[in-house]
């Protein structure tokens, strides 16, 4: 059976009428911190950005490319998070 345009236009809203979705029975749950508190979007963004920067060895230009954000935006976010570059040891 093929769906007509009326069926297709109402399909995305069918979940609103389904009580099982309104009660929070989702496959994906909100991430929680170690203490059981819900993480905010800002907490998740901070953790992701800091992880990527560390994976890039502190190279902000490379991290910004991987995150697909402007280098200056990354710089401002890192400043906001209090991140500082770890000095590189030379022998």
C-alpha atoms as a PDB file:
ATOM      1  CA  UNK A   1       0.000   0.000   0.000  1.00  0.00           C
ATOM      2  CA  UNK A   2       1.281   3.468  -0.830  1.00  0.00           C
ATOM      3  CA  UNK A   3       0.847   6.352   1.591  1.00  0.00           C
ATOM      4  CA  UNK A   4      -0.921   9.450   0.373  1.00  0.00           C
ATOM      5  CA  UNK A   5       0.240  12.970   1.240  1.00  0.00           C
ATOM      6  CA  UNK A   6      -2.304  13.342   4.057  1.00  0.00           C
ATOM      7  CA  UNK A   7      -0.969  10.204   5.756  1.00  0.00           C
ATOM      8  CA  UNK A   8       2.603  11.392   5.372  1.00  0.00           C
ATOM      9  CA  UNK A   9       1.909  14.875   6.727  1.00  0.00           C
ATOM     10  CA  UNK A  10       0.268  13.493   9.884  1.00  0.00           C
ATOM     11  CA  UNK A  11       2.787  10.698  10.492  1.00  0.00           C
ATOM     12  CA  UNK A  12       5.383  12.748  12.424  1.00  0.00           C
ATOM     13  CA  UNK A  13       2.707  13.854  14.899  1.00  0.00           C
ATOM     14  CA  UNK A  14       1.354  10.389  15.628  1.00  0.00           C
ATOM     15  CA  UNK A  15       3.816   9.994  18.493  1.00  0.00           C
ATOM     16  CA  UNK A  16       2.224  12.988  20.266  1.00  0.00           C
ATOM     17  CA  UNK A  17      -1.059  11.116  20.610  1.00  0.00           C
ATOM     18  CA  UNK A  18       0.649   7.919  21.777  1.00  0.00           C
ATOM     19  CA  UNK A  19       0.655   7.904  25.625  1.00  0.00           C
ATOM     20  CA  UNK A  20       3.651   5.570  25.833  1.00  0.00           C
ATOM     21  CA  UNK A  21       5.856   8.275  24.308  1.00  0.00           C
ATOM     22  CA  UNK A  22       4.520  10.996  26.590  1.00  0.00           C
ATOM     23  CA  UNK A  23       5.398   8.900  29.647  1.00  0.00           C
ATOM     24  CA  UNK A  24       9.095   8.926  28.740  1.00  0.00           C
ATOM     25  CA  UNK A  25       9.409   5.384  27.395  1.00  0.00           C
ATOM     26  CA  UNK A  26      12.208   6.249  24.996  1.00  0.00           C
ATOM     27  CA  UNK A  27      15.108   4.175  23.808  1.00  0.00           C
ATOM     28  CA  UNK A  28      17.518   7.024  24.507  1.00  0.00           C
ATOM     29  CA  UNK A  29      17.665   8.305  28.058  1.00  0.00           C
ATOM     30  CA  UNK A  30      19.131  11.569  29.324  1.00  0.00           C
ATOM     31  CA  UNK A  31      22.795  11.057  30.282  1.00  0.00           C
ATOM     32  CA  UNK A  32      23.452  11.290  33.990  1.00  0.00           C
ATOM     33  CA  UNK A  33      26.474  12.351  35.964  1.00  0.00           C
ATOM     34  CA  UNK A  34      28.284  10.000  38.374  1.00  0.00           C
ATOM     35  CA  UNK A  35      26.158  11.307  41.266  1.00  0.00           C
ATOM     36  CA  UNK A  36      22.924  10.454  39.427  1.00  0.00           C
ATOM     37  CA  UNK A  37      22.029  14.051  38.513  1.00  0.00           C
ATOM     38  CA  UNK A  38      20.970  14.795  34.952  1.00  0.00           C
ATOM     39  CA  UNK A  39      23.617  16.403  32.790  1.00  0.00           C
ATOM     40  CA  UNK A  40      22.724  19.613  31.018  1.00  0.00           C
ATOM     41  CA  UNK A  41      23.376  20.168  27.337  1.00  0.00           C
ATOM     42  CA  UNK A  42      26.131  22.596  28.333  1.00  0.00           C
ATOM     43  CA  UNK A  43      27.761  19.905  30.521  1.00  0.00           C
ATOM     44  CA  UNK A  44      27.713  17.446  27.623  1.00  0.00           C
ATOM     45  CA  UNK A  45      29.071  20.055  25.190  1.00  0.00           C
ATOM     46  CA  UNK A  46      31.874  20.958  27.621  1.00  0.00           C
ATOM     47  CA  UNK A  47      32.870  17.315  28.135  1.00  0.00           C
ATOM     48  CA  UNK A  48      32.847  16.645  24.377  1.00  0.00           C
ATOM     49  CA  UNK A  49      34.886  19.735  23.501  1.00  0.00           C
ATOM     50  CA  UNK A  50      37.472  19.074  26.217  1.00  0.00           C
ATOM     51  CA  UNK A  51      37.789  15.423  25.166  1.00  0.00           C
ATOM     52  CA  UNK A  52      38.363  16.385  21.524  1.00  0.00           C
ATOM     53  CA  UNK A  53      40.927  19.059  22.474  1.00  0.00           C
ATOM     54  CA  UNK A  54      42.812  16.543  24.619  1.00  0.00           C
ATOM     55  CA  UNK A  55      42.688  13.959  21.807  1.00  0.00           C
ATOM     56  CA  UNK A  56      44.237  16.606  19.526  1.00  0.00           C
ATOM     57  CA  UNK A  57      47.058  17.169  21.992  1.00  0.00           C
ATOM     58  CA  UNK A  58      45.840  20.685  22.761  1.00  0.00           C
ATOM     59  CA  UNK A  59      46.010  21.759  19.115  1.00  0.00           C
ATOM     60  CA  UNK A  60      43.042  24.119  18.993  1.00  0.00           C
ATOM     61  CA  UNK A  61      43.039  24.544  15.214  1.00  0.00           C
ATOM     62  CA  UNK A  62      42.873  20.783  14.669  1.00  0.00           C
ATOM     63  CA  UNK A  63      40.229  20.377  17.405  1.00  0.00           C
ATOM     64  CA  UNK A  64      38.112  23.175  15.862  1.00  0.00           C
ATOM     65  CA  UNK A  65      38.296  21.407  12.495  1.00  0.00           C
ATOM     66  CA  UNK A  66      37.237  18.113  14.075  1.00  0.00           C
ATOM     67  CA  UNK A  67      34.375  19.829  15.926  1.00  0.00           C
ATOM     68  CA  UNK A  68      33.413  21.729  12.756  1.00  0.00           C
ATOM     69  CA  UNK A  69      33.414  25.072  14.584  1.00  0.00           C
ATOM     70  CA  UNK A  70      35.434  28.230  14.079  1.00  0.00           C
ATOM     71  CA  UNK A  71      38.782  28.338  15.898  1.00  0.00           C
ATOM     72  CA  UNK A  72      37.842  31.614  17.624  1.00  0.00           C
ATOM     73  CA  UNK A  73      34.574  30.055  18.856  1.00  0.00           C
ATOM     74  CA  UNK A  74      36.551  27.146  20.292  1.00  0.00           C
ATOM     75  CA  UNK A  75      39.001  29.565  21.916  1.00  0.00           C
ATOM     76  CA  UNK A  76      36.133  31.424  23.631  1.00  0.00           C
ATOM     77  CA  UNK A  77      34.498  28.200  24.818  1.00  0.00           C
ATOM     78  CA  UNK A  78      37.787  26.928  26.246  1.00  0.00           C
ATOM     79  CA  UNK A  79      38.316  30.227  28.034  1.00  0.00           C
ATOM     80  CA  UNK A  80      34.796  29.982  29.462  1.00  0.00           C
ATOM     81  CA  UNK A  81      35.511  26.427  30.671  1.00  0.00           C
ATOM     82  CA  UNK A  82      38.775  27.499  32.298  1.00  0.00           C
ATOM     83  CA  UNK A  83      40.872  25.189  30.117  1.00  0.00           C
ATOM     84  CA  UNK A  84      44.570  25.959  29.955  1.00  0.00           C
ATOM     85  CA  UNK A  85      47.173  24.522  27.665  1.00  0.00           C
ATOM     86  CA  UNK A  86      49.499  22.026  29.339  1.00  0.00           C
ATOM     87  CA  UNK A  87      53.137  22.988  28.732  1.00  0.00           C
ATOM     88  CA  UNK A  88      55.016  20.604  26.463  1.00  0.00           C
ATOM     89  CA  UNK A  89      58.134  19.122  28.008  1.00  0.00           C
ATOM     90  CA  UNK A  90      61.316  19.440  25.961  1.00  0.00           C
ATOM     91  CA  UNK A  91      64.400  17.333  26.503  1.00  0.00           C
END
